[in-house]
Amino acid sequence: MAGCCENDCTVEALKHDHRGTLIAVLVINIVMFIVMVIAAQYAKSSALFADSLDNLGDALTYGLSLLVVGSTLTAKARVALFKGCLILLAALLVSAQIVQKLLNPELPIFQLMGVFSLIALIANSACLALLWRHRNDDLNMSSVWECSRNDIAVNISVFFSAGLVWLTNAGWPDLVVAAALVALLVRSSMRVMGASIQELRAVPKSV
């Protein structure tokens, strides 16, 4: 980038780095959503369904984050606020499925739950590793990091719920873990939206 000052070069390099990282994690999450939503249907698992929606939400989050790389602080805060709303929507969808499973109980297939939760854990660990060094760069990347960190907890929870379904030969562990994931998603949503609103109030509209 000949002819630019040192600070401008650094900023442009950081923007390029953000875009490359976001594209990589976006592709991973799109693939994992397709895989996980199919697995959730076959496994009859609400926890696995929550995991698949988490991947979809992340894919949308990363796509939106790509749009505001290098944008104003206000634009980044607005997109982060929208991300928080997406996380909350995922929580509501999983809650609806939990209610449906309570009304029409099904025994999940624990083998599928275990295998695909581990596959998702590997994929999300790769995303977390890619995002690690950008977690404190700005609000945009911080909210992306928040989503990725949640994924690890989700995958581990689903894996343990598969073990409990196997031990108890009952579907309640799947629903309990799904309910816990709903709480995690709501908490994350509130944190992201709270930080976004605070940022919007703090910066001038032109920034």
N, C-alpha and C. Protein backbone atom coordinates (compact mmCIF):
# COMPACT_ATOMS: atom_id res chain seq x y z
N MET A 1 0.84 -1.18 0.00
CA MET A 1 0.00 0.00 0.00
C MET A 1 0.88 1.23 0.00
N ALA A 2 1.61 1.39 -1.09
CA ALA A 2 2.60 2.46 -1.19
C ALA A 2 1.92 3.81 -1.14
N GLY A 3 2.58 4.77 -0.49
CA GLY A 3 2.09 6.13 -0.46
C GLY A 3 1.20 6.44 0.71
N CYS A 4 0.80 5.46 1.52
CA CYS A 4 -0.05 5.74 2.67
C CYS A 4 0.82 5.94 3.89
N CYS A 5 0.26 6.70 4.85
CA CYS A 5 1.02 6.88 6.07
C CYS A 5 0.96 5.60 6.90
N GLU A 6 1.80 5.52 7.91
CA GLU A 6 1.90 4.28 8.68
C GLU A 6 0.59 3.90 9.35
N ASN A 7 -0.12 4.89 9.94
CA ASN A 7 -1.38 4.60 10.62
C ASN A 7 -2.44 4.12 9.65
N ASP A 8 -2.52 4.78 8.46
CA ASP A 8 -3.50 4.36 7.47
C ASP A 8 -3.23 2.94 6.99
N CYS A 9 -1.98 2.62 6.80
CA CYS A 9 -1.61 1.26 6.38
C CYS A 9 -2.02 0.23 7.43
N THR A 10 -1.81 0.60 8.69
CA THR A 10 -2.17 -0.31 9.78
C THR A 10 -3.66 -0.55 9.81
N VAL A 11 -4.45 0.53 9.66
CA VAL A 11 -5.91 0.41 9.68
C VAL A 11 -6.40 -0.43 8.51
N GLU A 12 -5.86 -0.17 7.31
CA GLU A 12 -6.28 -0.93 6.14
C GLU A 12 -5.91 -2.41 6.27
N ALA A 13 -4.75 -2.67 6.83
CA ALA A 13 -4.34 -4.07 7.03
C ALA A 13 -5.28 -4.76 8.02
N LEU A 14 -5.70 -4.02 9.07
CA LEU A 14 -6.61 -4.60 10.05
C LEU A 14 -7.97 -4.89 9.43
N LYS A 15 -8.45 -3.98 8.58
CA LYS A 15 -9.73 -4.19 7.89
C LYS A 15 -9.66 -5.45 7.03
N HIS A 16 -8.56 -5.57 6.28
CA HIS A 16 -8.38 -6.73 5.41
C HIS A 16 -8.32 -8.01 6.23
N ASP A 17 -7.65 -7.96 7.37
CA ASP A 17 -7.53 -9.11 8.25
C ASP A 17 -8.89 -9.51 8.81
N HIS A 18 -9.70 -8.50 9.20
CA HIS A 18 -11.04 -8.77 9.70
C HIS A 18 -11.89 -9.46 8.64
N ARG A 19 -11.82 -8.93 7.42
CA ARG A 19 -12.63 -9.52 6.34
C ARG A 19 -12.25 -10.98 6.09
N GLY A 20 -10.96 -11.26 6.03
CA GLY A 20 -10.52 -12.63 5.80
C GLY A 20 -10.98 -13.58 6.88
N THR A 21 -10.87 -13.13 8.13
CA THR A 21 -11.30 -13.96 9.25
C THR A 21 -12.80 -14.19 9.22
N LEU A 22 -13.57 -13.15 8.96
CA LEU A 22 -15.03 -13.26 8.94
C LEU A 22 -15.52 -14.15 7.81
N ILE A 23 -14.87 -14.08 6.66
CA ILE A 23 -15.25 -14.94 5.53
C ILE A 23 -15.01 -16.41 5.90
N ALA A 24 -13.90 -16.69 6.55
CA ALA A 24 -13.57 -18.07 6.94
C ALA A 24 -14.61 -18.62 7.92
N VAL A 25 -14.92 -17.85 8.96
CA VAL A 25 -15.88 -18.36 9.96
C VAL A 25 -17.30 -18.38 9.40
N LEU A 26 -17.60 -17.50 8.46
CA LEU A 26 -18.92 -17.50 7.80
C LEU A 26 -19.13 -18.80 7.05
N VAL A 27 -18.14 -19.21 6.26
CA VAL A 27 -18.25 -20.45 5.48
C VAL A 27 -18.40 -21.65 6.42
N ILE A 28 -17.60 -21.69 7.47
CA ILE A 28 -17.68 -22.80 8.42
C ILE A 28 -19.08 -22.91 9.02
N ASN A 29 -19.66 -21.77 9.41
CA ASN A 29 -20.97 -21.81 10.06
C ASN A 29 -22.11 -22.11 9.12
N ILE A 30 -22.01 -21.70 7.86
CA ILE A 30 -23.05 -22.06 6.89
C ILE A 30 -23.07 -23.56 6.68
N VAL A 31 -21.88 -24.14 6.51
CA VAL A 31 -21.78 -25.59 6.32
C VAL A 31 -22.30 -26.32 7.56
N MET A 32 -21.91 -25.86 8.73
CA MET A 32 -22.32 -26.53 9.95
C MET A 32 -23.82 -26.39 10.21
N PHE A 33 -24.42 -25.28 9.84
CA PHE A 33 -25.88 -25.14 10.00
C PHE A 33 -26.60 -26.20 9.17
N ILE A 34 -26.21 -26.36 7.91
CA ILE A 34 -26.86 -27.34 7.05
C ILE A 34 -26.71 -28.75 7.62
N VAL A 35 -25.49 -29.07 8.05
CA VAL A 35 -25.23 -30.40 8.62
C VAL A 35 -26.03 -30.61 9.90
N MET A 36 -26.01 -29.61 10.79
CA MET A 36 -26.60 -29.76 12.12
C MET A 36 -28.12 -29.78 12.09
N VAL A 37 -28.74 -28.98 11.22
CA VAL A 37 -30.20 -28.96 11.18
C VAL A 37 -30.74 -30.30 10.66
N ILE A 38 -30.02 -30.91 9.71
CA ILE A 38 -30.42 -32.24 9.21
C ILE A 38 -30.22 -33.27 10.31
N ALA A 39 -29.09 -33.20 11.01
CA ALA A 39 -28.82 -34.13 12.10
C ALA A 39 -29.84 -33.99 13.21
N ALA A 40 -30.25 -32.77 13.52
CA ALA A 40 -31.23 -32.53 14.59
C ALA A 40 -32.58 -33.18 14.27
N GLN A 41 -32.97 -33.11 12.99
CA GLN A 41 -34.23 -33.71 12.59
C GLN A 41 -34.19 -35.23 12.71
N TYR A 42 -33.09 -35.83 12.28
CA TYR A 42 -32.94 -37.28 12.38
C TYR A 42 -32.81 -37.73 13.83
N ALA A 43 -32.11 -36.94 14.63
CA ALA A 43 -31.88 -37.31 16.03
C ALA A 43 -33.05 -36.97 16.93
N LYS A 44 -34.01 -36.16 16.44
CA LYS A 44 -35.17 -35.72 17.22
C LYS A 44 -34.72 -35.01 18.50
N SER A 45 -33.71 -34.17 18.35
CA SER A 45 -33.09 -33.52 19.51
C SER A 45 -33.29 -32.01 19.50
N SER A 46 -33.90 -31.48 20.57
CA SER A 46 -34.09 -30.03 20.71
C SER A 46 -32.74 -29.35 20.98
N ALA A 47 -31.86 -30.02 21.73
CA ALA A 47 -30.55 -29.45 22.02
C ALA A 47 -29.73 -29.32 20.74
N LEU A 48 -29.78 -30.33 19.89
CA LEU A 48 -29.07 -30.28 18.62
C LEU A 48 -29.69 -29.23 17.70
N PHE A 49 -31.01 -29.08 17.78
CA PHE A 49 -31.69 -28.05 17.00
C PHE A 49 -31.23 -26.66 17.45
N ALA A 50 -31.09 -26.47 18.76
CA ALA A 50 -30.59 -25.20 19.29
C ALA A 50 -29.18 -24.94 18.76
N ASP A 51 -28.39 -25.99 18.69
CA ASP A 51 -27.03 -25.87 18.17
C ASP A 51 -27.04 -25.44 16.71
N SER A 52 -27.95 -26.03 15.92
CA SER A 52 -28.01 -25.68 14.49
C SER A 52 -28.45 -24.24 14.30
N LEU A 53 -29.43 -23.78 15.09
CA LEU A 53 -29.88 -22.39 15.00
C LEU A 53 -28.77 -21.43 15.43
N ASP A 54 -27.97 -21.88 16.36
CA ASP A 54 -26.84 -21.07 16.80
C ASP A 54 -25.87 -20.86 15.64
N ASN A 55 -25.64 -21.92 14.86
CA ASN A 55 -24.78 -21.80 13.69
C ASN A 55 -25.38 -20.87 12.63
N LEU A 56 -26.71 -20.96 12.45
CA LEU A 56 -27.37 -20.07 11.49
C LEU A 56 -27.25 -18.62 11.94
N GLY A 57 -27.50 -18.39 13.23
CA GLY A 57 -27.39 -17.05 13.77
C GLY A 57 -25.98 -16.50 13.61
N ASP A 58 -25.00 -17.37 13.83
CA ASP A 58 -23.61 -16.96 13.69
C ASP A 58 -23.28 -16.62 12.23
N ALA A 59 -23.81 -17.43 11.30
CA ALA A 59 -23.55 -17.17 9.88
C ALA A 59 -24.11 -15.81 9.49
N LEU A 60 -25.33 -15.50 9.96
CA LEU A 60 -25.92 -14.20 9.69
C LEU A 60 -25.11 -13.08 10.36
N THR A 61 -24.66 -13.37 11.57
CA THR A 61 -23.85 -12.40 12.31
C THR A 61 -22.56 -12.08 11.57
N TYR A 62 -21.87 -13.11 11.11
CA TYR A 62 -20.60 -12.90 10.41
C TYR A 62 -20.82 -12.19 9.08
N GLY A 63 -21.92 -12.53 8.40
CA GLY A 63 -22.24 -11.85 7.15
C GLY A 63 -22.48 -10.36 7.36
N LEU A 64 -23.25 -10.04 8.40
CA LEU A 64 -23.51 -8.64 8.73
C LEU A 64 -22.23 -7.92 9.16
N SER A 65 -21.41 -8.63 9.90
CA SER A 65 -20.15 -8.04 10.36
C SER A 65 -19.24 -7.68 9.19
N LEU A 66 -19.28 -8.51 8.14
CA LEU A 66 -18.49 -8.21 6.95
C LEU A 66 -18.91 -6.90 6.31
N LEU A 67 -20.21 -6.61 6.39
CA LEU A 67 -20.73 -5.38 5.77
C LEU A 67 -20.23 -4.12 6.44
N VAL A 68 -19.91 -4.21 7.74
CA VAL A 68 -19.55 -2.99 8.48
C VAL A 68 -18.07 -2.93 8.84
N VAL A 69 -17.26 -3.84 8.30
CA VAL A 69 -15.81 -3.73 8.52
C VAL A 69 -15.33 -2.40 7.94
N GLY A 70 -14.72 -1.58 8.78
CA GLY A 70 -14.24 -0.28 8.33
C GLY A 70 -15.30 0.80 8.32
N SER A 71 -16.53 0.48 8.77
CA SER A 71 -17.61 1.47 8.80
C SER A 71 -17.52 2.34 10.05
N THR A 72 -18.48 3.23 10.21
CA THR A 72 -18.50 4.12 11.36
C THR A 72 -18.85 3.36 12.63
N LEU A 73 -18.55 3.96 13.77
CA LEU A 73 -18.90 3.35 15.05
C LEU A 73 -20.40 3.18 15.18
N THR A 74 -21.15 4.13 14.67
CA THR A 74 -22.61 4.05 14.73
C THR A 74 -23.13 2.86 13.93
N ALA A 75 -22.59 2.67 12.73
CA ALA A 75 -23.01 1.54 11.90
C ALA A 75 -22.70 0.21 12.57
N LYS A 76 -21.52 0.12 13.16
CA LYS A 76 -21.12 -1.11 13.85
C LYS A 76 -22.03 -1.38 15.05
N ALA A 77 -22.39 -0.33 15.78
CA ALA A 77 -23.24 -0.50 16.95
C ALA A 77 -24.64 -0.95 16.53
N ARG A 78 -25.14 -0.40 15.43
CA ARG A 78 -26.47 -0.80 14.94
C ARG A 78 -26.49 -2.26 14.50
N VAL A 79 -25.44 -2.68 13.81
CA VAL A 79 -25.35 -4.08 13.39
C VAL A 79 -25.21 -5.00 14.59
N ALA A 80 -24.43 -4.59 15.59
CA ALA A 80 -24.30 -5.39 16.81
C ALA A 80 -25.64 -5.52 17.52
N LEU A 81 -26.43 -4.44 17.49
CA LEU A 81 -27.77 -4.49 18.09
C LEU A 81 -28.65 -5.50 17.36
N PHE A 82 -28.54 -5.51 16.03
CA PHE A 82 -29.30 -6.47 15.24
C PHE A 82 -28.86 -7.89 15.52
N LYS A 83 -27.56 -8.08 15.74
CA LYS A 83 -27.04 -9.40 16.10
C LYS A 83 -27.67 -9.88 17.40
N GLY A 84 -27.77 -8.97 18.37
CA GLY A 84 -28.41 -9.32 19.64
C GLY A 84 -29.85 -9.76 19.45
N CYS A 85 -30.55 -9.09 18.53
CA CYS A 85 -31.94 -9.46 18.23
C CYS A 85 -32.01 -10.85 17.59
N LEU A 86 -31.04 -11.16 16.72
CA LEU A 86 -31.00 -12.49 16.09
C LEU A 86 -30.78 -13.59 17.13
N ILE A 87 -29.90 -13.33 18.09
CA ILE A 87 -29.64 -14.31 19.15
C ILE A 87 -30.91 -14.53 19.96
N LEU A 88 -31.64 -13.45 20.24
CA LEU A 88 -32.89 -13.56 21.00
C LEU A 88 -33.94 -14.34 20.20
N LEU A 89 -34.00 -14.12 18.89
CA LEU A 89 -34.94 -14.86 18.04
C LEU A 89 -34.63 -16.35 18.07
N ALA A 90 -33.36 -16.72 18.03
CA ALA A 90 -32.97 -18.13 18.11
C ALA A 90 -33.46 -18.74 19.42
N ALA A 91 -33.33 -17.98 20.52
CA ALA A 91 -33.79 -18.46 21.83
C ALA A 91 -35.29 -18.72 21.81
N LEU A 92 -36.05 -17.85 21.16
CA LEU A 92 -37.50 -18.01 21.09
C LEU A 92 -37.89 -19.23 20.25
N LEU A 93 -37.17 -19.46 19.16
CA LEU A 93 -37.46 -20.62 18.31
C LEU A 93 -37.19 -21.93 19.04
N VAL A 94 -36.08 -21.99 19.79
CA VAL A 94 -35.77 -23.19 20.56
C VAL A 94 -36.81 -23.38 21.66
N SER A 95 -37.24 -22.30 22.28
CA SER A 95 -38.27 -22.38 23.33
C SER A 95 -39.57 -22.98 22.77
N ALA A 96 -39.91 -22.56 21.55
CA ALA A 96 -41.12 -23.09 20.91
C ALA A 96 -41.00 -24.59 20.68
N GLN A 97 -39.81 -25.04 20.26
CA GLN A 97 -39.64 -26.48 20.04
C GLN A 97 -39.66 -27.26 21.35
N ILE A 98 -39.13 -26.68 22.41
CA ILE A 98 -39.17 -27.34 23.72
C ILE A 98 -40.62 -27.57 24.14
N VAL A 99 -41.45 -26.55 23.95
CA VAL A 99 -42.87 -26.68 24.30
C VAL A 99 -43.51 -27.78 23.46
N GLN A 100 -43.19 -27.80 22.16
CA GLN A 100 -43.74 -28.82 21.27
C GLN A 100 -43.33 -30.23 21.70
N LYS A 101 -42.05 -30.38 22.14
CA LYS A 101 -41.57 -31.69 22.59
C LYS A 101 -42.21 -32.09 23.92
N LEU A 102 -42.52 -31.12 24.77
CA LEU A 102 -43.20 -31.44 26.03
C LEU A 102 -44.60 -31.95 25.77
N LEU A 103 -45.24 -31.41 24.74
CA LEU A 103 -46.59 -31.84 24.39
C LEU A 103 -46.58 -33.16 23.63
N ASN A 104 -45.51 -33.39 22.87
CA ASN A 104 -45.38 -34.63 22.09
C ASN A 104 -44.00 -35.23 22.32
N PRO A 105 -43.81 -35.92 23.43
CA PRO A 105 -42.48 -36.43 23.81
C PRO A 105 -41.91 -37.42 22.78
N GLU A 106 -40.60 -37.31 22.55
CA GLU A 106 -39.86 -38.22 21.68
C GLU A 106 -38.53 -38.53 22.33
N LEU A 107 -38.05 -39.75 22.13
CA LEU A 107 -36.73 -40.12 22.65
C LEU A 107 -35.67 -39.80 21.61
N PRO A 108 -34.76 -38.86 21.91
CA PRO A 108 -33.71 -38.51 20.94
C PRO A 108 -32.75 -39.67 20.71
N ILE A 109 -32.09 -39.66 19.56
CA ILE A 109 -31.09 -40.67 19.24
C ILE A 109 -29.75 -40.15 19.76
N PHE A 110 -29.31 -40.69 20.89
CA PHE A 110 -28.15 -40.12 21.57
C PHE A 110 -26.86 -40.28 20.77
N GLN A 111 -26.78 -41.35 19.94
CA GLN A 111 -25.56 -41.55 19.16
C GLN A 111 -25.34 -40.38 18.18
N LEU A 112 -26.41 -39.98 17.51
CA LEU A 112 -26.30 -38.86 16.58
C LEU A 112 -25.99 -37.56 17.32
N MET A 113 -26.64 -37.39 18.46
CA MET A 113 -26.38 -36.18 19.26
C MET A 113 -24.90 -36.07 19.63
N GLY A 114 -24.34 -37.18 20.10
CA GLY A 114 -22.95 -37.17 20.53
C GLY A 114 -21.98 -36.92 19.39
N VAL A 115 -22.18 -37.63 18.29
CA VAL A 115 -21.25 -37.51 17.15
C VAL A 115 -21.27 -36.10 16.57
N PHE A 116 -22.47 -35.57 16.34
CA PHE A 116 -22.56 -34.27 15.68
C PHE A 116 -22.22 -33.11 16.61
N SER A 117 -22.42 -33.29 17.91
CA SER A 117 -22.00 -32.24 18.84
C SER A 117 -20.47 -32.15 18.86
N LEU A 118 -19.79 -33.29 18.72
CA LEU A 118 -18.32 -33.27 18.67
C LEU A 118 -17.81 -32.67 17.36
N ILE A 119 -18.50 -32.98 16.26
CA ILE A 119 -18.12 -32.38 14.98
C ILE A 119 -18.27 -30.86 15.05
N ALA A 120 -19.38 -30.42 15.64
CA ALA A 120 -19.62 -28.99 15.78
C ALA A 120 -18.59 -28.34 16.71
N LEU A 121 -18.20 -29.07 17.75
CA LEU A 121 -17.19 -28.55 18.68
C LEU A 121 -15.86 -28.30 17.96
N ILE A 122 -15.47 -29.23 17.10
CA ILE A 122 -14.23 -29.07 16.34
C ILE A 122 -14.32 -27.85 15.41
N ALA A 123 -15.46 -27.72 14.71
CA ALA A 123 -15.64 -26.61 13.78
C ALA A 123 -15.64 -25.27 14.52
N ASN A 124 -16.36 -25.21 15.64
CA ASN A 124 -16.45 -23.95 16.38
C ASN A 124 -15.15 -23.60 17.11
N SER A 125 -14.39 -24.62 17.48
CA SER A 125 -13.08 -24.36 18.07
C SER A 125 -12.16 -23.70 17.04
N ALA A 126 -12.28 -24.13 15.79
CA ALA A 126 -11.50 -23.51 14.71
C ALA A 126 -11.90 -22.05 14.54
N CYS A 127 -13.23 -21.78 14.61
CA CYS A 127 -13.70 -20.40 14.51
C CYS A 127 -13.18 -19.55 15.66
N LEU A 128 -13.22 -20.11 16.86
CA LEU A 128 -12.76 -19.39 18.05
C LEU A 128 -11.28 -19.05 17.92
N ALA A 129 -10.50 -19.99 17.41
CA ALA A 129 -9.07 -19.76 17.23
C ALA A 129 -8.81 -18.65 16.22
N LEU A 130 -9.61 -18.61 15.16
CA LEU A 130 -9.46 -17.57 14.15
C LEU A 130 -9.81 -16.19 14.69
N LEU A 131 -10.81 -16.15 15.57
CA LEU A 131 -11.32 -14.86 16.08
C LEU A 131 -10.58 -14.37 17.32
N TRP A 132 -9.80 -15.23 17.95
CA TRP A 132 -9.19 -14.92 19.25
C TRP A 132 -8.46 -13.57 19.26
N ARG A 133 -7.59 -13.34 18.28
CA ARG A 133 -6.76 -12.14 18.32
C ARG A 133 -7.52 -10.87 17.94
N HIS A 134 -8.76 -11.04 17.47
CA HIS A 134 -9.56 -9.86 17.10
C HIS A 134 -10.63 -9.53 18.14
N ARG A 135 -10.68 -10.27 19.24
CA ARG A 135 -11.80 -10.16 20.17
C ARG A 135 -11.94 -8.79 20.81
N ASN A 136 -10.85 -8.02 20.88
CA ASN A 136 -10.90 -6.71 21.51
C ASN A 136 -10.66 -5.56 20.52
N ASP A 137 -10.74 -5.86 19.22
CA ASP A 137 -10.43 -4.84 18.22
C ASP A 137 -11.47 -3.72 18.20
N ASP A 138 -12.76 -4.09 18.17
CA ASP A 138 -13.84 -3.11 18.20
C ASP A 138 -15.13 -3.82 18.58
N LEU A 139 -16.24 -3.05 18.66
CA LEU A 139 -17.53 -3.63 19.07
C LEU A 139 -17.98 -4.71 18.11
N ASN A 140 -17.75 -4.49 16.82
CA ASN A 140 -18.14 -5.46 15.80
C ASN A 140 -17.49 -6.81 16.04
N MET A 141 -16.17 -6.83 16.16
CA MET A 141 -15.45 -8.08 16.36
C MET A 141 -15.67 -8.65 17.75
N SER A 142 -15.90 -7.77 18.72
CA SER A 142 -16.18 -8.24 20.08
C SER A 142 -17.48 -9.02 20.14
N SER A 143 -18.52 -8.54 19.44
CA SER A 143 -19.81 -9.25 19.43
C SER A 143 -19.71 -10.56 18.66
N VAL A 144 -18.87 -10.58 17.62
CA VAL A 144 -18.61 -11.83 16.88
C VAL A 144 -17.93 -12.84 17.79
N TRP A 145 -16.96 -12.38 18.54
CA TRP A 145 -16.25 -13.24 19.50
C TRP A 145 -17.24 -13.80 20.53
N GLU A 146 -18.16 -12.98 20.99
CA GLU A 146 -19.17 -13.40 21.96
C GLU A 146 -19.97 -14.58 21.42
N CYS A 147 -20.38 -14.47 20.16
CA CYS A 147 -21.15 -15.55 19.54
C CYS A 147 -20.33 -16.84 19.46
N SER A 148 -19.09 -16.71 19.06
CA SER A 148 -18.23 -17.89 18.88
C SER A 148 -17.94 -18.56 20.22
N ARG A 149 -17.72 -17.77 21.25
CA ARG A 149 -17.45 -18.34 22.57
C ARG A 149 -18.65 -19.13 23.09
N ASN A 150 -19.85 -18.61 22.82
CA ASN A 150 -21.07 -19.31 23.23
C ASN A 150 -21.18 -20.67 22.56
N ASP A 151 -20.71 -20.74 21.31
CA ASP A 151 -20.82 -21.99 20.55
C ASP A 151 -20.12 -23.16 21.25
N ILE A 152 -18.98 -22.88 21.85
CA ILE A 152 -18.24 -23.94 22.53
C ILE A 152 -19.05 -24.51 23.69
N ALA A 153 -19.65 -23.61 24.48
CA ALA A 153 -20.48 -24.05 25.60
C ALA A 153 -21.68 -24.85 25.12
N VAL A 154 -22.26 -24.41 24.00
CA VAL A 154 -23.41 -25.11 23.42
C VAL A 154 -23.03 -26.53 23.01
N ASN A 155 -21.93 -26.66 22.29
CA ASN A 155 -21.50 -27.99 21.82
C ASN A 155 -21.22 -28.95 22.96
N ILE A 156 -20.52 -28.47 23.99
CA ILE A 156 -20.21 -29.32 25.14
C ILE A 156 -21.49 -29.73 25.88
N SER A 157 -22.43 -28.81 25.99
CA SER A 157 -23.69 -29.11 26.67
C SER A 157 -24.48 -30.18 25.92
N VAL A 158 -24.52 -30.07 24.60
CA VAL A 158 -25.24 -31.06 23.79
C VAL A 158 -24.59 -32.43 23.93
N PHE A 159 -23.27 -32.47 23.96
CA PHE A 159 -22.56 -33.74 24.11
C PHE A 159 -22.91 -34.41 25.43
N PHE A 160 -22.94 -33.63 26.52
CA PHE A 160 -23.29 -34.20 27.82
C PHE A 160 -24.75 -34.61 27.89
N SER A 161 -25.60 -33.88 27.21
CA SER A 161 -27.02 -34.27 27.20
C SER A 161 -27.21 -35.60 26.48
N ALA A 162 -26.39 -35.84 25.44
CA ALA A 162 -26.46 -37.14 24.74
C ALA A 162 -26.10 -38.26 25.70
N GLY A 163 -25.08 -38.04 26.52
CA GLY A 163 -24.70 -39.04 27.51
C GLY A 163 -25.79 -39.30 28.52
N LEU A 164 -26.48 -38.25 28.93
CA LEU A 164 -27.57 -38.41 29.91
C LEU A 164 -28.78 -39.11 29.30
N VAL A 165 -29.04 -38.83 28.03
CA VAL A 165 -30.14 -39.55 27.34
C VAL A 165 -29.83 -41.03 27.29
N TRP A 166 -28.57 -41.37 27.04
CA TRP A 166 -28.14 -42.77 27.01
C TRP A 166 -28.27 -43.42 28.39
N LEU A 167 -27.83 -42.71 29.43
CA LEU A 167 -27.87 -43.27 30.78
C LEU A 167 -29.29 -43.44 31.31
N THR A 168 -30.15 -42.48 31.01
CA THR A 168 -31.51 -42.50 31.58
C THR A 168 -32.54 -43.13 30.65
N ASN A 169 -32.18 -43.27 29.36
CA ASN A 169 -33.13 -43.76 28.36
C ASN A 169 -34.41 -42.91 28.37
N ALA A 170 -34.21 -41.60 28.51
CA ALA A 170 -35.33 -40.66 28.56
C ALA A 170 -34.96 -39.39 27.80
N GLY A 171 -35.98 -38.64 27.40
CA GLY A 171 -35.75 -37.44 26.62
C GLY A 171 -35.57 -36.17 27.43
N TRP A 172 -35.81 -36.25 28.75
CA TRP A 172 -35.75 -35.01 29.55
C TRP A 172 -34.37 -34.34 29.57
N PRO A 173 -33.24 -35.09 29.53
CA PRO A 173 -31.94 -34.38 29.53
C PRO A 173 -31.78 -33.47 28.30
N ASP A 174 -32.31 -33.93 27.17
CA ASP A 174 -32.24 -33.13 25.95
C ASP A 174 -32.99 -31.82 26.13
N LEU A 175 -34.17 -31.89 26.75
CA LEU A 175 -34.97 -30.69 26.95
C LEU A 175 -34.38 -29.77 28.01
N VAL A 176 -33.80 -30.37 29.05
CA VAL A 176 -33.17 -29.57 30.11
C VAL A 176 -31.99 -28.78 29.54
N VAL A 177 -31.16 -29.45 28.75
CA VAL A 177 -30.01 -28.77 28.15
C VAL A 177 -30.47 -27.72 27.15
N ALA A 178 -31.51 -28.03 26.38
CA ALA A 178 -32.05 -27.05 25.43
C ALA A 178 -32.55 -25.81 26.17
N ALA A 179 -33.21 -26.01 27.32
CA ALA A 179 -33.69 -24.89 28.12
C ALA A 179 -32.53 -24.07 28.66
N ALA A 180 -31.46 -24.76 29.08
CA ALA A 180 -30.26 -24.05 29.57
C ALA A 180 -29.62 -23.23 28.44
N LEU A 181 -29.64 -23.78 27.24
CA LEU A 181 -29.08 -23.06 26.09
C LEU A 181 -29.93 -21.83 25.75
N VAL A 182 -31.24 -21.95 25.95
CA VAL A 182 -32.11 -20.78 25.76
C VAL A 182 -31.70 -19.66 26.71
N ALA A 183 -31.46 -20.03 27.98
CA ALA A 183 -31.03 -19.04 28.98
C ALA A 183 -29.70 -18.40 28.57
N LEU A 184 -28.78 -19.23 28.06
CA LEU A 184 -27.48 -18.72 27.62
C LEU A 184 -27.64 -17.75 26.45
N LEU A 185 -28.51 -18.11 25.51
CA LEU A 185 -28.73 -17.26 24.35
C LEU A 185 -29.37 -15.92 24.75
N VAL A 186 -30.34 -15.99 25.66
CA VAL A 186 -30.99 -14.75 26.13
C VAL A 186 -29.98 -13.85 26.83
N ARG A 187 -29.15 -14.45 27.68
CA ARG A 187 -28.13 -13.68 28.40
C ARG A 187 -27.15 -13.02 27.43
N SER A 188 -26.72 -13.78 26.44
CA SER A 188 -25.80 -13.24 25.44
C SER A 188 -26.45 -12.12 24.64
N SER A 189 -27.73 -12.34 24.29
CA SER A 189 -28.47 -11.32 23.55
C SER A 189 -28.56 -10.02 24.32
N MET A 190 -28.87 -10.12 25.61
CA MET A 190 -28.99 -8.92 26.44
C MET A 190 -27.65 -8.19 26.55
N ARG A 191 -26.55 -8.96 26.64
CA ARG A 191 -25.23 -8.35 26.77
C ARG A 191 -24.85 -7.60 25.49
N VAL A 192 -25.07 -8.25 24.34
CA VAL A 192 -24.72 -7.64 23.07
C VAL A 192 -25.58 -6.41 22.81
N MET A 193 -26.89 -6.51 23.05
CA MET A 193 -27.77 -5.38 22.82
C MET A 193 -27.48 -4.23 23.78
N GLY A 194 -27.17 -4.57 25.03
CA GLY A 194 -26.84 -3.55 26.01
C GLY A 194 -25.60 -2.76 25.62
N ALA A 195 -24.57 -3.49 25.17
CA ALA A 195 -23.33 -2.82 24.75
C ALA A 195 -23.57 -1.97 23.51
N SER A 196 -24.44 -2.45 22.61
CA SER A 196 -24.73 -1.70 21.39
C SER A 196 -25.47 -0.41 21.70
N ILE A 197 -26.46 -0.49 22.56
CA ILE A 197 -27.24 0.70 22.93
C ILE A 197 -26.35 1.73 23.63
N GLN A 198 -25.48 1.23 24.49
CA GLN A 198 -24.55 2.13 25.19
C GLN A 198 -23.62 2.82 24.19
N GLU A 199 -23.16 2.07 23.19
CA GLU A 199 -22.28 2.64 22.17
C GLU A 199 -23.02 3.68 21.33
N LEU A 200 -24.28 3.39 20.98
CA LEU A 200 -25.07 4.32 20.18
C LEU A 200 -25.31 5.63 20.93
N ARG A 201 -25.49 5.54 22.23
CA ARG A 201 -25.71 6.74 23.02
C ARG A 201 -24.44 7.55 23.21
N ALA A 202 -23.30 6.85 23.14
CA ALA A 202 -22.03 7.52 23.45
C ALA A 202 -21.40 8.23 22.26
N VAL A 203 -21.65 7.72 21.04
CA VAL A 203 -20.97 8.31 19.88
C VAL A 203 -21.87 9.30 19.16
N PRO A 204 -21.27 10.36 18.57
CA PRO A 204 -22.04 11.29 17.73
C PRO A 204 -22.59 10.57 16.53
N LYS A 205 -23.71 11.02 16.01
CA LYS A 205 -24.38 10.36 14.88
C LYS A 205 -23.50 10.29 13.65
N SER A 206 -22.58 11.20 13.51
CA SER A 206 -21.74 11.26 12.31
C SER A 206 -20.54 10.34 12.37
N VAL A 207 -20.28 9.75 13.56
CA VAL A 207 -19.08 8.93 13.73
C VAL A 207 -19.34 7.51 13.30
